[in-house]
């Protein structure tokens, strides 16, 4: 007869500490003590003191040390404070989700996008989800990299579409956006059949696209050579309109100018150090994005929409230069002033 081996299943631990206790602990720290917390929350100081004494007793760890009339947080308290903020925030989001479900609505998905990413892909993802049972609500902000990072760190957006990976956040590659040097077809830049050298560009305005909070040269070839005349704009539409009026030249996303190249009124400048470069775009998930959430579903839809749009991945067949003409990053016109 074989002996039966019984494996003991771990029992789920009952929670002893309430969300309210963690909130009171945070209020004491954030408002400089028990008096400030009591005034802020409009409850008695004795109630807060009793709740925190019970909290410390339940944990068996000192969170606050009372010296005179002031409460000083301990090192253990600092560690638990940071984790408790995540807990309270998630509890609030859970309650908010339940309220949205009661009302038959979905919570809003907040997205910060750098301008180089094609907006129509956001619309494709939205439309694809809208055909399903999930009806997303979106708030889209077009910002520069600096602001995008701040919004993610402050939990003011759920997703970021960025030209850089941000430490501390989960991310994955979305797409590479090719940029080309273009000018109006009637520009003197095309008066000869030879390639154009770096120094010759000094005689022409460069239309420079840069968002207000980005460092010069953040997007690569945008600040031109030192001393070159430039017209700085803060939207791709403004850069495109200036180019259409025949003002200088610009480095613009190929997907934005491909129709102009096809129509013939714009041409790619034959630079001797290459006519194009690429920018990698990443999808960044905020700290509050969890499996099954609306933000995660939109992130999946955005990835699928991008994967299904290969025309943006590289140069088209009707390029006026060969696709091998990638810009040499060591040449002068790559550098910022």
Foldseek 3Di string as FASTA:
>chain_A
DDDDDDDDDDDDDDDDADLVLLVLLLLQVVQFHLVRSCVVVVHDSVVSVVSPVVVCVVVVHDQWDDDPRTTDGDPVNVVVNVVSVVVNVLVVVVVVQVVCVVVVHADAAEEEEEQQDDVVLLVQLQVVQCVDPHRHHYDYHHAAPVVQVVCLVVVVHFKYKYLDDDPPWDKDWQAKWKWFKKAFPPDCLPVDPDADELVVLLVAEEEAEDAPPDDPCPVWLGQFFPPRHYHYDHHPVVVVVCRLVGHGIYTGGCVVCVVVVVVPRMATHRHPQFTMDIGIIMMTGGPNDDPPGPNVSSVVSSSVSSVVPCPRRADDPPHPDDRPRYGDCPDRSRDHD
